[in-house]
Amino acid sequence: MPKPAITPVVAAELDARERAPRTPQQERGQRRVDQILDAAEQVFVEHGVGAATMQMIADRAGASMGSLYHFFPNKDGVVEALGARYADAVRDANQKAMPLELVHLPAEELFQRVLQAQVKLIERTPAFDAVHEAVQRNCPAINDAMEQALVGHVGQFLALRYPKMPTEDRIAAAMVSVSVVHAVVELAVRLPATHRMSAITEAHRMLVAHYSKYDSLYGAA
């Protein structure tokens, strides 16, 4: 009996399963995973994701290769796990910067909080750019899920701030706002420190001007 053909969709699912990290069942296991990811982050900063090896990661973590492969089947699995950790941190930073109970904040203060929170996160995460690029290339589902979560939160915020704003306009505003903030922040952290603040200030000025029109049109709650 002939074997069933492996379609591109099935092949993609099998590939995702092969690189997916194993979920630790105990707190001790989770601590070990965190130590491995911390070590991988340092290795990626020093050598880049492409040149890094599982042996380098194991050596930096003080772990045996067996222990490393117990949790991660390959380097892609490590990158995926780091990407998921970064995505959680981005969502958390965004929610803390613009909690739903602060919908009344003036646009100047609101976007100062949002931009500063994201820049600080990336500045204290040296491997962010390298891992982010690898995640976008190899496991875009993580990036897509993060984007959807951010757009959903910003959409909720706008619904409370502008109750009269049409739904389609609110969704579009949320999507564009998230994309703009990400693009500007990623640009800013790659610039020399002497130019970084100028880029953030310009982005802040642009976002405040845009949302001030919404305030006038719909009336901020």
N, C-alpha and C. Protein backbone atom coordinates (compact mmCIF):
# COMPACT_ATOMS: atom_id res chain seq x y z
N MET A 1 0.85 -1.20 0.00
CA MET A 1 0.00 0.00 0.00
C MET A 1 0.89 1.25 0.00
N PRO A 2 0.69 2.16 -0.95
CA PRO A 2 1.56 3.34 -1.02
C PRO A 2 1.37 4.26 0.17
N LYS A 3 2.47 4.89 0.58
CA LYS A 3 2.39 5.85 1.69
C LYS A 3 1.68 7.11 1.24
N PRO A 4 0.91 7.75 2.15
CA PRO A 4 0.24 9.00 1.78
C PRO A 4 1.25 10.09 1.50
N ALA A 5 0.93 10.92 0.53
CA ALA A 5 1.83 12.01 0.18
C ALA A 5 1.91 13.03 1.30
N ILE A 6 3.10 13.59 1.47
CA ILE A 6 3.29 14.64 2.48
C ILE A 6 3.11 15.98 1.78
N THR A 7 2.02 16.63 2.09
CA THR A 7 1.74 17.92 1.48
C THR A 7 2.59 18.99 2.14
N PRO A 8 2.72 20.19 1.53
CA PRO A 8 3.47 21.28 2.16
C PRO A 8 2.95 21.64 3.54
N VAL A 9 1.61 21.58 3.72
CA VAL A 9 1.03 21.92 5.03
C VAL A 9 1.46 20.91 6.08
N VAL A 10 1.37 19.61 5.73
CA VAL A 10 1.77 18.57 6.67
C VAL A 10 3.26 18.67 6.97
N ALA A 11 4.06 18.93 5.95
CA ALA A 11 5.50 19.07 6.15
C ALA A 11 5.82 20.21 7.11
N ALA A 12 5.11 21.33 6.97
CA ALA A 12 5.32 22.48 7.86
C ALA A 12 4.96 22.13 9.29
N GLU A 13 3.87 21.37 9.46
CA GLU A 13 3.45 20.98 10.81
C GLU A 13 4.49 20.05 11.44
N LEU A 14 5.01 19.09 10.65
CA LEU A 14 6.03 18.18 11.16
C LEU A 14 7.29 18.93 11.55
N ASP A 15 7.68 19.90 10.72
CA ASP A 15 8.88 20.70 11.01
C ASP A 15 8.70 21.49 12.30
N ALA A 16 7.51 22.06 12.50
CA ALA A 16 7.25 22.82 13.73
C ALA A 16 7.32 21.92 14.95
N ARG A 17 6.81 20.71 14.83
CA ARG A 17 6.86 19.78 15.97
C ARG A 17 8.29 19.39 16.31
N GLU A 18 9.12 19.21 15.28
CA GLU A 18 10.50 18.80 15.50
C GLU A 18 11.31 19.86 16.22
N ARG A 19 11.05 21.13 15.95
CA ARG A 19 11.85 22.18 16.58
C ARG A 19 11.22 22.72 17.86
N ALA A 20 9.99 22.29 18.17
CA ALA A 20 9.30 22.82 19.34
C ALA A 20 10.00 22.36 20.61
N PRO A 21 10.28 23.28 21.55
CA PRO A 21 10.92 22.89 22.79
C PRO A 21 9.99 22.04 23.65
N ARG A 22 10.56 21.17 24.47
CA ARG A 22 9.77 20.36 25.38
C ARG A 22 9.40 21.17 26.59
N THR A 23 8.14 21.15 26.97
CA THR A 23 7.67 21.91 28.13
C THR A 23 8.10 21.22 29.41
N PRO A 24 8.85 21.91 30.28
CA PRO A 24 9.28 21.28 31.54
C PRO A 24 8.08 21.00 32.44
N GLN A 25 8.12 19.88 33.13
CA GLN A 25 7.00 19.46 33.96
C GLN A 25 7.14 19.92 35.41
N GLN A 26 8.33 20.33 35.83
CA GLN A 26 8.55 20.73 37.21
C GLN A 26 9.23 22.10 37.25
N GLU A 27 9.14 22.74 38.42
CA GLU A 27 9.74 24.06 38.59
C GLU A 27 11.25 24.00 38.37
N ARG A 28 11.88 22.93 38.82
CA ARG A 28 13.32 22.77 38.64
C ARG A 28 13.66 22.73 37.15
N GLY A 29 12.82 22.02 36.38
CA GLY A 29 13.04 21.95 34.94
C GLY A 29 12.89 23.31 34.28
N GLN A 30 11.92 24.10 34.75
CA GLN A 30 11.72 25.43 34.19
C GLN A 30 12.91 26.33 34.48
N ARG A 31 13.48 26.20 35.68
CA ARG A 31 14.67 27.00 36.02
C ARG A 31 15.83 26.63 35.10
N ARG A 32 15.94 25.34 34.79
CA ARG A 32 17.02 24.91 33.90
C ARG A 32 16.80 25.46 32.49
N VAL A 33 15.57 25.46 32.04
CA VAL A 33 15.25 26.02 30.73
C VAL A 33 15.61 27.50 30.69
N ASP A 34 15.26 28.22 31.75
CA ASP A 34 15.56 29.65 31.81
C ASP A 34 17.07 29.89 31.77
N GLN A 35 17.84 29.04 32.47
CA GLN A 35 19.30 29.18 32.46
C GLN A 35 19.86 28.94 31.05
N ILE A 36 19.30 27.96 30.36
CA ILE A 36 19.76 27.67 29.00
C ILE A 36 19.43 28.83 28.07
N LEU A 37 18.24 29.40 28.21
CA LEU A 37 17.85 30.52 27.36
C LEU A 37 18.69 31.76 27.66
N ASP A 38 19.00 31.98 28.93
CA ASP A 38 19.88 33.10 29.28
C ASP A 38 21.26 32.92 28.63
N ALA A 39 21.76 31.69 28.66
CA ALA A 39 23.06 31.40 28.05
C ALA A 39 22.99 31.57 26.54
N ALA A 40 21.91 31.09 25.94
CA ALA A 40 21.75 31.23 24.49
C ALA A 40 21.72 32.69 24.08
N GLU A 41 21.08 33.51 24.89
CA GLU A 41 21.01 34.94 24.59
C GLU A 41 22.41 35.54 24.54
N GLN A 42 23.26 35.18 25.49
CA GLN A 42 24.63 35.69 25.51
C GLN A 42 25.43 35.19 24.30
N VAL A 43 25.24 33.93 23.96
CA VAL A 43 25.95 33.37 22.81
C VAL A 43 25.51 34.06 21.52
N PHE A 44 24.22 34.31 21.38
CA PHE A 44 23.71 34.96 20.18
C PHE A 44 24.24 36.38 20.05
N VAL A 45 24.39 37.08 21.19
CA VAL A 45 24.94 38.43 21.16
C VAL A 45 26.40 38.40 20.69
N GLU A 46 27.16 37.43 21.18
CA GLU A 46 28.59 37.38 20.89
C GLU A 46 28.90 36.83 19.49
N HIS A 47 28.11 35.86 19.05
CA HIS A 47 28.44 35.16 17.81
C HIS A 47 27.39 35.31 16.71
N GLY A 48 26.21 35.82 17.05
CA GLY A 48 25.13 35.86 16.08
C GLY A 48 24.37 34.54 16.09
N VAL A 49 23.12 34.58 15.69
CA VAL A 49 22.31 33.37 15.69
C VAL A 49 22.86 32.34 14.70
N GLY A 50 23.25 32.79 13.52
CA GLY A 50 23.71 31.87 12.49
C GLY A 50 24.95 31.09 12.88
N ALA A 51 25.91 31.76 13.52
CA ALA A 51 27.18 31.11 13.86
C ALA A 51 27.12 30.34 15.18
N ALA A 52 26.14 30.61 15.99
CA ALA A 52 26.03 29.94 17.29
C ALA A 52 25.75 28.45 17.11
N THR A 53 26.25 27.65 18.04
CA THR A 53 26.02 26.21 18.00
C THR A 53 25.41 25.75 19.32
N MET A 54 24.83 24.56 19.28
CA MET A 54 24.27 23.99 20.51
C MET A 54 25.38 23.74 21.53
N GLN A 55 26.59 23.38 21.06
CA GLN A 55 27.70 23.16 21.98
C GLN A 55 28.07 24.45 22.70
N MET A 56 28.08 25.57 21.96
CA MET A 56 28.36 26.86 22.59
C MET A 56 27.35 27.17 23.68
N ILE A 57 26.09 26.92 23.38
CA ILE A 57 25.02 27.20 24.34
C ILE A 57 25.16 26.32 25.57
N ALA A 58 25.44 25.03 25.35
CA ALA A 58 25.59 24.11 26.47
C ALA A 58 26.78 24.52 27.35
N ASP A 59 27.89 24.88 26.71
CA ASP A 59 29.08 25.30 27.47
C ASP A 59 28.78 26.54 28.30
N ARG A 60 28.11 27.52 27.72
CA ARG A 60 27.80 28.76 28.44
C ARG A 60 26.82 28.50 29.59
N ALA A 61 25.90 27.57 29.39
CA ALA A 61 24.92 27.27 30.43
C ALA A 61 25.47 26.32 31.49
N GLY A 62 26.66 25.75 31.24
CA GLY A 62 27.21 24.77 32.17
C GLY A 62 26.38 23.50 32.18
N ALA A 63 25.85 23.16 31.01
CA ALA A 63 24.97 22.00 30.90
C ALA A 63 25.57 20.97 29.96
N SER A 64 25.19 19.73 30.14
CA SER A 64 25.61 18.68 29.21
C SER A 64 24.78 18.78 27.95
N MET A 65 25.29 18.24 26.86
CA MET A 65 24.52 18.23 25.62
C MET A 65 23.24 17.43 25.79
N GLY A 66 23.31 16.38 26.60
CA GLY A 66 22.11 15.59 26.85
C GLY A 66 21.02 16.41 27.51
N SER A 67 21.42 17.22 28.49
CA SER A 67 20.46 18.08 29.17
C SER A 67 19.87 19.11 28.20
N LEU A 68 20.73 19.66 27.34
CA LEU A 68 20.27 20.66 26.38
C LEU A 68 19.26 20.04 25.41
N TYR A 69 19.63 18.87 24.87
CA TYR A 69 18.74 18.23 23.91
C TYR A 69 17.49 17.65 24.56
N HIS A 70 17.51 17.49 25.86
CA HIS A 70 16.30 17.03 26.56
C HIS A 70 15.18 18.05 26.41
N PHE A 71 15.55 19.34 26.43
CA PHE A 71 14.54 20.40 26.34
C PHE A 71 14.40 20.98 24.94
N PHE A 72 15.51 20.97 24.17
CA PHE A 72 15.48 21.61 22.85
C PHE A 72 16.05 20.65 21.81
N PRO A 73 15.28 20.28 20.81
CA PRO A 73 15.76 19.32 19.81
C PRO A 73 16.85 19.87 18.90
N ASN A 74 16.90 21.20 18.76
CA ASN A 74 17.89 21.82 17.87
C ASN A 74 17.94 23.32 18.17
N LYS A 75 18.82 24.02 17.46
CA LYS A 75 18.98 25.46 17.71
C LYS A 75 17.71 26.24 17.38
N ASP A 76 16.98 25.81 16.36
CA ASP A 76 15.73 26.49 16.02
C ASP A 76 14.76 26.46 17.20
N GLY A 77 14.79 25.35 17.95
CA GLY A 77 13.93 25.26 19.12
C GLY A 77 14.31 26.27 20.18
N VAL A 78 15.62 26.51 20.34
CA VAL A 78 16.10 27.52 21.29
C VAL A 78 15.65 28.91 20.85
N VAL A 79 15.82 29.19 19.56
CA VAL A 79 15.41 30.49 19.01
C VAL A 79 13.91 30.70 19.20
N GLU A 80 13.13 29.65 18.94
CA GLU A 80 11.68 29.77 19.09
C GLU A 80 11.30 30.06 20.54
N ALA A 81 11.95 29.37 21.48
CA ALA A 81 11.65 29.59 22.90
C ALA A 81 12.02 31.00 23.33
N LEU A 82 13.19 31.48 22.86
CA LEU A 82 13.59 32.86 23.19
C LEU A 82 12.62 33.85 22.58
N GLY A 83 12.20 33.58 21.34
CA GLY A 83 11.23 34.46 20.68
C GLY A 83 9.93 34.53 21.44
N ALA A 84 9.46 33.39 21.96
CA ALA A 84 8.22 33.37 22.74
C ALA A 84 8.40 34.16 24.03
N ARG A 85 9.59 34.05 24.65
CA ARG A 85 9.84 34.79 25.88
C ARG A 85 9.87 36.29 25.60
N TYR A 86 10.49 36.68 24.50
CA TYR A 86 10.52 38.10 24.14
C TYR A 86 9.12 38.61 23.84
N ALA A 87 8.32 37.80 23.14
CA ALA A 87 6.96 38.21 22.80
C ALA A 87 6.14 38.45 24.05
N ASP A 88 6.29 37.58 25.05
CA ASP A 88 5.59 37.78 26.32
C ASP A 88 6.03 39.08 26.99
N ALA A 89 7.33 39.37 26.92
CA ALA A 89 7.85 40.59 27.54
C ALA A 89 7.33 41.84 26.84
N VAL A 90 7.23 41.79 25.51
CA VAL A 90 6.70 42.93 24.76
C VAL A 90 5.23 43.18 25.12
N ARG A 91 4.45 42.12 25.16
CA ARG A 91 3.03 42.26 25.52
C ARG A 91 2.88 42.82 26.94
N ASP A 92 3.70 42.30 27.86
CA ASP A 92 3.63 42.76 29.25
C ASP A 92 4.01 44.23 29.36
N ALA A 93 5.07 44.64 28.66
CA ALA A 93 5.50 46.03 28.70
C ALA A 93 4.42 46.95 28.13
N ASN A 94 3.78 46.52 27.07
CA ASN A 94 2.74 47.34 26.45
C ASN A 94 1.53 47.49 27.36
N GLN A 95 1.12 46.41 27.99
CA GLN A 95 -0.04 46.46 28.87
C GLN A 95 0.22 47.32 30.10
N LYS A 96 1.46 47.28 30.60
CA LYS A 96 1.80 48.11 31.75
C LYS A 96 1.91 49.58 31.36
N ALA A 97 2.33 49.85 30.13
CA ALA A 97 2.48 51.23 29.67
C ALA A 97 1.13 51.88 29.41
N MET A 98 0.16 51.09 28.93
CA MET A 98 -1.16 51.65 28.64
C MET A 98 -2.26 50.75 29.19
N PRO A 99 -2.34 50.64 30.53
CA PRO A 99 -3.40 49.83 31.13
C PRO A 99 -4.77 50.45 30.82
N LEU A 100 -5.79 49.61 30.77
CA LEU A 100 -7.11 50.09 30.36
C LEU A 100 -7.68 51.14 31.31
N GLU A 101 -7.23 51.12 32.56
CA GLU A 101 -7.76 52.12 33.50
C GLU A 101 -7.17 53.51 33.27
N LEU A 102 -6.19 53.64 32.37
CA LEU A 102 -5.59 54.95 32.09
C LEU A 102 -5.97 55.48 30.71
N VAL A 103 -7.17 55.14 30.26
CA VAL A 103 -7.62 55.61 28.94
C VAL A 103 -7.75 57.12 28.88
N HIS A 104 -7.83 57.77 30.03
CA HIS A 104 -8.01 59.23 30.06
C HIS A 104 -6.71 60.00 29.92
N LEU A 105 -5.57 59.31 29.91
CA LEU A 105 -4.28 60.02 29.86
C LEU A 105 -4.18 60.91 28.63
N PRO A 106 -3.61 62.11 28.76
CA PRO A 106 -3.33 62.93 27.58
C PRO A 106 -2.41 62.17 26.62
N ALA A 107 -2.57 62.42 25.33
CA ALA A 107 -1.78 61.70 24.33
C ALA A 107 -0.28 61.87 24.57
N GLU A 108 0.15 63.04 25.03
CA GLU A 108 1.58 63.29 25.27
C GLU A 108 2.15 62.29 26.28
N GLU A 109 1.43 62.10 27.38
CA GLU A 109 1.91 61.19 28.41
C GLU A 109 1.76 59.74 27.99
N LEU A 110 0.66 59.44 27.32
CA LEU A 110 0.40 58.07 26.89
C LEU A 110 1.52 57.54 26.00
N PHE A 111 1.88 58.28 24.96
CA PHE A 111 2.87 57.77 24.02
C PHE A 111 4.29 57.88 24.56
N GLN A 112 4.51 58.74 25.53
CA GLN A 112 5.80 58.76 26.20
C GLN A 112 5.98 57.45 26.97
N ARG A 113 4.93 57.03 27.64
CA ARG A 113 4.98 55.77 28.39
C ARG A 113 5.20 54.58 27.45
N VAL A 114 4.45 54.56 26.35
CA VAL A 114 4.52 53.42 25.42
C VAL A 114 5.91 53.32 24.78
N LEU A 115 6.41 54.41 24.24
CA LEU A 115 7.69 54.39 23.55
C LEU A 115 8.85 54.08 24.51
N GLN A 116 8.83 54.71 25.66
CA GLN A 116 9.91 54.46 26.62
C GLN A 116 9.91 53.02 27.11
N ALA A 117 8.73 52.46 27.33
CA ALA A 117 8.65 51.07 27.81
C ALA A 117 9.25 50.10 26.80
N GLN A 118 8.94 50.31 25.51
CA GLN A 118 9.45 49.40 24.49
C GLN A 118 10.95 49.57 24.27
N VAL A 119 11.41 50.82 24.28
CA VAL A 119 12.85 51.06 24.09
C VAL A 119 13.65 50.46 25.25
N LYS A 120 13.18 50.66 26.48
CA LYS A 120 13.88 50.12 27.64
C LYS A 120 13.94 48.59 27.58
N LEU A 121 12.85 47.98 27.14
CA LEU A 121 12.82 46.53 27.03
C LEU A 121 13.89 46.03 26.06
N ILE A 122 13.96 46.64 24.89
CA ILE A 122 14.90 46.18 23.89
C ILE A 122 16.34 46.53 24.28
N GLU A 123 16.54 47.66 24.93
CA GLU A 123 17.89 48.04 25.35
C GLU A 123 18.45 47.07 26.40
N ARG A 124 17.58 46.54 27.24
CA ARG A 124 18.08 45.60 28.25
C ARG A 124 18.04 44.15 27.76
N THR A 125 17.71 43.97 26.48
CA THR A 125 17.68 42.64 25.87
C THR A 125 18.59 42.66 24.65
N PRO A 126 19.90 42.51 24.83
CA PRO A 126 20.86 42.72 23.74
C PRO A 126 20.62 41.84 22.52
N ALA A 127 20.09 40.64 22.71
CA ALA A 127 19.91 39.74 21.57
C ALA A 127 18.56 39.93 20.88
N PHE A 128 17.81 40.94 21.29
CA PHE A 128 16.45 41.10 20.78
C PHE A 128 16.40 41.16 19.26
N ASP A 129 17.20 42.02 18.66
CA ASP A 129 17.16 42.19 17.20
C ASP A 129 17.47 40.89 16.47
N ALA A 130 18.55 40.23 16.90
CA ALA A 130 18.97 38.99 16.22
C ALA A 130 17.91 37.90 16.35
N VAL A 131 17.37 37.75 17.54
CA VAL A 131 16.35 36.72 17.76
C VAL A 131 15.06 37.08 17.04
N HIS A 132 14.70 38.36 17.08
CA HIS A 132 13.48 38.80 16.41
C HIS A 132 13.54 38.50 14.92
N GLU A 133 14.67 38.77 14.30
CA GLU A 133 14.83 38.50 12.87
C GLU A 133 14.76 37.00 12.58
N ALA A 134 15.38 36.19 13.45
CA ALA A 134 15.35 34.74 13.26
C ALA A 134 13.94 34.19 13.43
N VAL A 135 13.21 34.74 14.39
CA VAL A 135 11.83 34.30 14.62
C VAL A 135 10.95 34.66 13.43
N GLN A 136 11.11 35.87 12.92
CA GLN A 136 10.33 36.28 11.75
C GLN A 136 10.61 35.38 10.56
N ARG A 137 11.85 34.93 10.44
CA ARG A 137 12.25 34.11 9.30
C ARG A 137 11.82 32.65 9.46
N ASN A 138 11.98 32.09 10.68
CA ASN A 138 11.78 30.66 10.87
C ASN A 138 10.48 30.26 11.56
N CYS A 139 9.96 31.11 12.41
CA CYS A 139 8.71 30.76 13.11
C CYS A 139 7.83 32.01 13.23
N PRO A 140 7.33 32.50 12.10
CA PRO A 140 6.54 33.73 12.08
C PRO A 140 5.26 33.66 12.91
N ALA A 141 4.79 32.45 13.24
CA ALA A 141 3.55 32.33 14.02
C ALA A 141 3.69 33.02 15.38
N ILE A 142 4.90 32.99 15.97
CA ILE A 142 5.11 33.66 17.25
C ILE A 142 4.95 35.16 17.10
N ASN A 143 5.57 35.70 16.06
CA ASN A 143 5.45 37.14 15.81
C ASN A 143 4.02 37.54 15.50
N ASP A 144 3.32 36.71 14.72
CA ASP A 144 1.93 37.00 14.38
C ASP A 144 1.04 37.01 15.62
N ALA A 145 1.26 36.03 16.51
CA ALA A 145 0.45 35.95 17.74
C ALA A 145 0.70 37.17 18.62
N MET A 146 1.96 37.61 18.70
CA MET A 146 2.28 38.79 19.49
C MET A 146 1.60 40.02 18.91
N GLU A 147 1.68 40.18 17.58
CA GLU A 147 1.05 41.32 16.92
C GLU A 147 -0.45 41.34 17.17
N GLN A 148 -1.09 40.18 17.06
CA GLN A 148 -2.54 40.11 17.27
C GLN A 148 -2.91 40.48 18.69
N ALA A 149 -2.09 40.02 19.66
CA ALA A 149 -2.36 40.35 21.06
C ALA A 149 -2.22 41.85 21.31
N LEU A 150 -1.18 42.45 20.73
CA LEU A 150 -0.97 43.88 20.91
C LEU A 150 -2.08 44.69 20.26
N VAL A 151 -2.44 44.30 19.04
CA VAL A 151 -3.52 45.01 18.34
C VAL A 151 -4.83 44.86 19.12
N GLY A 152 -5.06 43.68 19.68
CA GLY A 152 -6.27 43.48 20.47
C GLY A 152 -6.30 44.37 21.69
N HIS A 153 -5.16 44.48 22.38
CA HIS A 153 -5.12 45.33 23.58
C HIS A 153 -5.29 46.80 23.22
N VAL A 154 -4.59 47.25 22.19
CA VAL A 154 -4.73 48.65 21.76
C VAL A 154 -6.15 48.93 21.30
N GLY A 155 -6.76 47.95 20.63
CA GLY A 155 -8.16 48.11 20.20
C GLY A 155 -9.10 48.28 21.38
N GLN A 156 -8.88 47.51 22.44
CA GLN A 156 -9.69 47.65 23.66
C GLN A 156 -9.49 49.04 24.26
N PHE A 157 -8.26 49.48 24.29
CA PHE A 157 -7.93 50.79 24.84
C PHE A 157 -8.66 51.89 24.06
N LEU A 158 -8.62 51.79 22.74
CA LEU A 158 -9.26 52.81 21.90
C LEU A 158 -10.79 52.76 22.04
N ALA A 159 -11.34 51.57 22.21
CA ALA A 159 -12.79 51.45 22.37
C ALA A 159 -13.25 52.17 23.63
N LEU A 160 -12.45 52.12 24.67
CA LEU A 160 -12.79 52.81 25.92
C LEU A 160 -12.50 54.31 25.81
N ARG A 161 -11.44 54.66 25.12
CA ARG A 161 -11.07 56.08 25.00
C ARG A 161 -11.99 56.82 24.04
N TYR A 162 -12.38 56.14 22.95
CA TYR A 162 -13.23 56.76 21.93
C TYR A 162 -14.47 55.90 21.67
N PRO A 163 -15.45 55.94 22.57
CA PRO A 163 -16.64 55.10 22.40
C PRO A 163 -17.39 55.36 21.09
N LYS A 164 -17.26 56.56 20.54
CA LYS A 164 -17.99 56.91 19.31
C LYS A 164 -17.21 56.55 18.04
N MET A 165 -16.02 56.07 18.19
CA MET A 165 -15.19 55.76 17.02
C MET A 165 -15.74 54.50 16.32
N PRO A 166 -15.96 54.55 15.00
CA PRO A 166 -16.45 53.37 14.28
C PRO A 166 -15.49 52.18 14.44
N THR A 167 -16.06 51.00 14.50
CA THR A 167 -15.26 49.79 14.75
C THR A 167 -14.14 49.61 13.73
N GLU A 168 -14.44 49.76 12.45
CA GLU A 168 -13.42 49.56 11.42
C GLU A 168 -12.28 50.57 11.56
N ASP A 169 -12.64 51.81 11.89
CA ASP A 169 -11.60 52.84 12.09
C ASP A 169 -10.73 52.50 13.30
N ARG A 170 -11.37 51.98 14.34
CA ARG A 170 -10.63 51.62 15.56
C ARG A 170 -9.65 50.48 15.28
N ILE A 171 -10.09 49.46 14.55
CA ILE A 171 -9.22 48.33 14.23
C ILE A 171 -8.04 48.80 13.39
N ALA A 172 -8.32 49.64 12.40
CA ALA A 172 -7.24 50.16 11.55
C ALA A 172 -6.26 50.99 12.37
N ALA A 173 -6.78 51.83 13.25
CA ALA A 173 -5.91 52.67 14.09
C ALA A 173 -5.03 51.81 14.99
N ALA A 174 -5.59 50.75 15.54
CA ALA A 174 -4.82 49.86 16.41
C ALA A 174 -3.70 49.16 15.64
N MET A 175 -4.03 48.65 14.45
CA MET A 175 -3.01 47.95 13.65
C MET A 175 -1.89 48.89 13.24
N VAL A 176 -2.24 50.07 12.78
CA VAL A 176 -1.22 51.02 12.32
C VAL A 176 -0.38 51.51 13.50
N SER A 177 -1.00 51.77 14.63
CA SER A 177 -0.27 52.26 15.80
C SER A 177 0.76 51.25 16.26
N VAL A 178 0.37 49.98 16.33
CA VAL A 178 1.30 48.92 16.74
C VAL A 178 2.46 48.82 15.76
N SER A 179 2.15 48.86 14.48
CA SER A 179 3.20 48.74 13.46
C SER A 179 4.16 49.92 13.51
N VAL A 180 3.62 51.12 13.70
CA VAL A 180 4.46 52.32 13.75
C VAL A 180 5.39 52.29 14.95
N VAL A 181 4.85 51.97 16.12
CA VAL A 181 5.66 51.93 17.34
C VAL A 181 6.78 50.91 17.20
N HIS A 182 6.46 49.73 16.69
CA HIS A 182 7.48 48.70 16.51
C HIS A 182 8.57 49.14 15.55
N ALA A 183 8.16 49.71 14.43
CA ALA A 183 9.14 50.13 13.43
C ALA A 183 10.06 51.21 13.97
N VAL A 184 9.49 52.17 14.67
CA VAL A 184 10.29 53.27 15.21
C VAL A 184 11.23 52.79 16.30
N VAL A 185 10.73 51.93 17.18
CA VAL A 185 11.57 51.42 18.26
C VAL A 185 12.72 50.58 17.72
N GLU A 186 12.44 49.73 16.74
CA GLU A 186 13.49 48.91 16.15
C GLU A 186 14.54 49.79 15.46
N LEU A 187 14.10 50.87 14.85
CA LEU A 187 15.04 51.81 14.25
C LEU A 187 15.88 52.48 15.34
N ALA A 188 15.22 52.93 16.38
CA ALA A 188 15.90 53.70 17.43
C ALA A 188 17.00 52.90 18.11
N VAL A 189 16.75 51.63 18.39
CA VAL A 189 17.77 50.86 19.12
C VAL A 189 18.97 50.51 18.24
N ARG A 190 18.84 50.69 16.92
CA ARG A 190 19.97 50.44 16.04
C ARG A 190 20.78 51.70 15.77
N LEU A 191 20.25 52.83 16.19
CA LEU A 191 20.94 54.09 15.99
C LEU A 191 21.96 54.33 17.09
N PRO A 192 22.98 55.14 16.83
CA PRO A 192 23.90 55.55 17.91
C PRO A 192 23.11 56.25 19.00
N ALA A 193 23.57 56.14 20.22
CA ALA A 193 22.86 56.71 21.36
C ALA A 193 22.60 58.21 21.18
N THR A 194 23.53 58.89 20.47
CA THR A 194 23.37 60.34 20.28
C THR A 194 22.18 60.69 19.40
N HIS A 195 21.73 59.75 18.56
CA HIS A 195 20.61 60.01 17.66
C HIS A 195 19.32 59.31 18.09
N ARG A 196 19.44 58.39 19.01
CA ARG A 196 18.30 57.56 19.39
C ARG A 196 17.15 58.39 19.95
N MET A 197 17.47 59.29 20.87
CA MET A 197 16.41 60.07 21.50
C MET A 197 15.72 60.99 20.49
N SER A 198 16.45 61.46 19.50
CA SER A 198 15.84 62.31 18.48
C SER A 198 14.78 61.53 17.70
N ALA A 199 15.07 60.27 17.38
CA ALA A 199 14.11 59.45 16.66
C ALA A 199 12.87 59.19 17.50
N ILE A 200 13.07 58.90 18.78
CA ILE A 200 11.93 58.65 19.66
C ILE A 200 11.10 59.92 19.84
N THR A 201 11.78 61.05 19.97
CA THR A 201 11.06 62.33 20.12
C THR A 201 10.23 62.64 18.89
N GLU A 202 10.78 62.37 17.72
CA GLU A 202 10.04 62.61 16.48
C GLU A 202 8.83 61.69 16.37
N ALA A 203 9.01 60.42 16.75
CA ALA A 203 7.88 59.48 16.73
C ALA A 203 6.81 59.91 17.73
N HIS A 204 7.23 60.36 18.88
CA HIS A 204 6.28 60.83 19.90
C HIS A 204 5.49 62.02 19.37
N ARG A 205 6.18 62.94 18.73
CA ARG A 205 5.52 64.13 18.17
C ARG A 205 4.48 63.73 17.11
N MET A 206 4.83 62.78 16.28
CA MET A 206 3.94 62.33 15.21
C MET A 206 2.70 61.64 15.78
N LEU A 207 2.89 60.74 16.75
CA LEU A 207 1.77 60.00 17.32
C LEU A 207 0.84 60.91 18.11
N VAL A 208 1.41 61.85 18.84
CA VAL A 208 0.58 62.79 19.62
C VAL A 208 -0.26 63.64 18.68
N ALA A 209 0.33 64.12 17.59
CA ALA A 209 -0.43 64.94 16.64
C ALA A 209 -1.56 64.14 16.01
N HIS A 210 -1.29 62.89 15.70
CA HIS A 210 -2.31 62.04 15.08
C HIS A 210 -3.46 61.77 16.04
N TYR A 211 -3.13 61.42 17.28
CA TYR A 211 -4.18 61.09 18.24
C TYR A 211 -4.89 62.32 18.78
N SER A 212 -4.25 63.46 18.70
CA SER A 212 -4.95 64.69 19.10
C SER A 212 -6.13 64.95 18.18
N LYS A 213 -6.01 64.55 16.93
CA LYS A 213 -7.13 64.69 15.99
C LYS A 213 -8.27 63.76 16.39
N TYR A 214 -7.93 62.55 16.84
CA TYR A 214 -8.96 61.64 17.33
C TYR A 214 -9.66 62.23 18.54
N ASP A 215 -8.86 62.84 19.44
CA ASP A 215 -9.43 63.46 20.65
C ASP A 215 -10.46 64.52 20.25
N SER A 216 -10.11 65.31 19.24
CA SER A 216 -11.01 66.38 18.80
C SER A 216 -12.24 65.81 18.08
N LEU A 217 -12.03 64.76 17.30
CA LEU A 217 -13.10 64.19 16.50
C LEU A 217 -14.10 63.40 17.32
N TYR A 218 -13.58 62.57 18.23
CA TYR A 218 -14.46 61.66 18.98
C TYR A 218 -14.61 62.04 20.46
N GLY A 219 -13.71 62.89 20.96
CA GLY A 219 -13.76 63.24 22.36
C GLY A 219 -13.17 62.14 23.21
N ALA A 220 -12.02 62.40 23.84
CA ALA A 220 -11.38 61.39 24.69
C ALA A 220 -12.21 61.16 25.94
N ALA A 221 -12.34 59.88 26.33
CA ALA A 221 -13.14 59.55 27.51
C ALA A 221 -12.48 60.14 28.76
